[in-house]
């Protein structure tokens, strides 16, 4: 009986930690997509699993070892606080690009990550 109670308590603790861990905003999809080869995008669209605080979220775009490329102000899509839109004001030259993102979810959890895409000639 004691063993069963310990197992049940352990399971409940594990489930509690699982709900805490899943509270972070994770990148669900992006346009351009990871590892995609595309024409020069007019904007980056990053869709997350949680609602975001746009004023405390952002994106940096780099090509190789160069300085970050100037982007427009990041904001959430109208009616969709899970999608971060970032204008790309100037056409991108052909080559590989890295998107480095950081977001603050509405529940207060921070997340960050990166992915790459290629602009075709």
Protein backbone atom coordinates (compact mmCIF):
# COMPACT_ATOMS: atom_id res chain seq x y z
CA UNK A 1 0.00 0.00 0.00
CA UNK A 2 2.84 2.40 0.87
CA UNK A 3 4.49 1.64 -2.47
CA UNK A 4 1.28 2.46 -4.39
CA UNK A 5 0.93 5.77 -2.52
CA UNK A 6 4.54 6.70 -3.32
CA UNK A 7 3.98 5.85 -6.98
CA UNK A 8 0.81 7.94 -7.10
CA UNK A 9 2.57 10.88 -5.41
CA UNK A 10 5.47 10.59 -7.86
CA UNK A 11 3.07 10.56 -10.81
CA UNK A 12 1.26 13.65 -9.55
CA UNK A 13 4.56 15.49 -9.06
CA UNK A 14 5.67 14.52 -12.56
CA UNK A 15 2.44 15.78 -14.07
CA UNK A 16 2.83 19.04 -12.15
CA UNK A 17 6.30 19.57 -13.58
CA UNK A 18 5.04 18.70 -17.05
CA UNK A 19 2.41 21.44 -16.91
CA UNK A 20 5.03 23.97 -15.74
CA UNK A 21 7.45 22.96 -18.51
CA UNK A 22 4.78 23.20 -21.20
CA UNK A 23 3.92 26.79 -20.23
CA UNK A 24 6.73 28.29 -22.33
CA UNK A 25 6.04 29.67 -25.79
CA UNK A 26 7.59 27.30 -28.33
CA UNK A 27 8.03 28.10 -32.01
CA UNK A 28 5.38 26.05 -33.79
CA UNK A 29 5.95 27.24 -37.38
CA UNK A 30 7.54 30.07 -39.32
CA UNK A 31 7.41 31.74 -42.71
CA UNK A 32 9.93 31.41 -44.26
CA UNK A 33 10.10 27.93 -42.77
CA UNK A 34 13.19 26.38 -41.25
CA UNK A 35 15.64 25.19 -43.93
CA UNK A 36 13.39 26.55 -46.73
CA UNK A 37 14.72 28.12 -49.91
CA UNK A 38 12.57 31.11 -50.84
CA UNK A 39 12.48 34.42 -52.67
CA UNK A 40 13.24 37.49 -50.57
CA UNK A 41 10.47 37.70 -47.93
CA UNK A 42 8.65 40.96 -47.17
CA UNK A 43 8.14 39.83 -43.58
CA UNK A 44 8.96 37.06 -41.14
CA UNK A 45 5.99 35.35 -39.46
CA UNK A 46 6.72 33.22 -36.40
CA UNK A 47 3.83 31.27 -34.86
CA UNK A 48 4.14 30.20 -31.22
CA UNK A 49 2.22 27.86 -28.91
CA UNK A 50 1.37 30.64 -26.41
CA UNK A 51 0.21 34.25 -26.58
CA UNK A 52 3.07 36.79 -26.64
CA UNK A 53 3.97 40.17 -25.18
CA UNK A 54 5.13 41.91 -28.40
CA UNK A 55 6.88 44.80 -26.64
CA UNK A 56 9.24 42.30 -24.97
CA UNK A 57 9.68 39.96 -27.94
CA UNK A 58 11.88 40.35 -30.98
CA UNK A 59 13.83 38.92 -33.87
CA UNK A 60 17.35 39.46 -35.21
CA UNK A 61 18.22 38.40 -38.76
CA UNK A 62 21.81 37.80 -39.85
CA UNK A 63 23.58 36.58 -42.97
CA UNK A 64 26.69 34.61 -42.10
CA UNK A 65 28.97 36.56 -39.77
CA UNK A 66 27.65 39.97 -40.82
CA UNK A 67 25.93 42.48 -38.55
CA UNK A 68 22.17 42.03 -38.00
CA UNK A 69 19.97 43.15 -40.88
CA UNK A 70 17.67 46.08 -40.14
CA UNK A 71 14.10 44.92 -39.64
CA UNK A 72 10.82 46.66 -38.90
CA UNK A 73 9.16 46.63 -35.49
CA UNK A 74 7.95 43.21 -34.34
CA UNK A 75 4.25 43.03 -33.53
CA UNK A 76 1.62 40.37 -33.10
CA UNK A 77 -0.83 39.68 -35.90
CA UNK A 78 -4.29 41.28 -35.61
CA UNK A 79 -6.50 38.96 -33.60
CA UNK A 80 -3.66 36.43 -33.10
CA UNK A 81 -1.33 37.07 -30.16
CA UNK A 82 0.54 33.82 -30.90
CA UNK A 83 1.97 35.07 -34.22
CA UNK A 84 4.86 37.54 -34.28
CA UNK A 85 5.20 39.51 -37.54
CA UNK A 86 8.45 41.26 -38.40
CA UNK A 87 8.69 43.41 -41.56
CA UNK A 88 11.76 43.02 -43.77
CA UNK A 89 11.94 46.50 -45.35
CA UNK A 90 14.72 45.84 -47.88
CA UNK A 91 15.06 42.89 -50.28
CA UNK A 92 17.49 40.27 -49.02
CA UNK A 93 20.44 39.21 -51.15
CA UNK A 94 20.71 35.54 -52.13
CA UNK A 95 22.30 33.41 -49.42
CA UNK A 96 21.76 31.77 -46.04
CA UNK A 97 20.10 33.67 -43.17
CA UNK A 98 19.70 32.96 -39.48
CA UNK A 99 16.64 34.07 -37.54
CA UNK A 100 17.35 34.50 -33.81
CA UNK A 101 14.17 35.06 -31.82
CA UNK A 102 13.30 35.78 -28.21
CA UNK A 103 9.79 36.03 -26.83
CA UNK A 104 8.01 36.65 -23.58
CA UNK A 105 4.78 34.69 -23.27
CA UNK A 106 1.78 36.35 -21.66
CA UNK A 107 2.21 33.97 -18.72
CA UNK A 108 5.64 35.53 -18.05
CA UNK A 109 7.87 32.73 -19.39
CA UNK A 110 10.77 33.63 -21.69
CA UNK A 111 11.86 31.51 -24.66
CA UNK A 112 14.47 31.90 -27.36
CA UNK A 113 15.76 30.01 -30.34
CA UNK A 114 16.95 30.22 -33.91
CA UNK A 115 16.50 28.70 -37.33
CA UNK A 116 17.87 29.22 -40.84
CA UNK A 117 16.49 29.72 -44.32
CA UNK A 118 18.02 30.51 -47.71
CA UNK A 119 17.12 33.22 -50.21
CA UNK A 120 17.45 31.87 -53.74
CA UNK A 121 19.22 33.81 -56.49
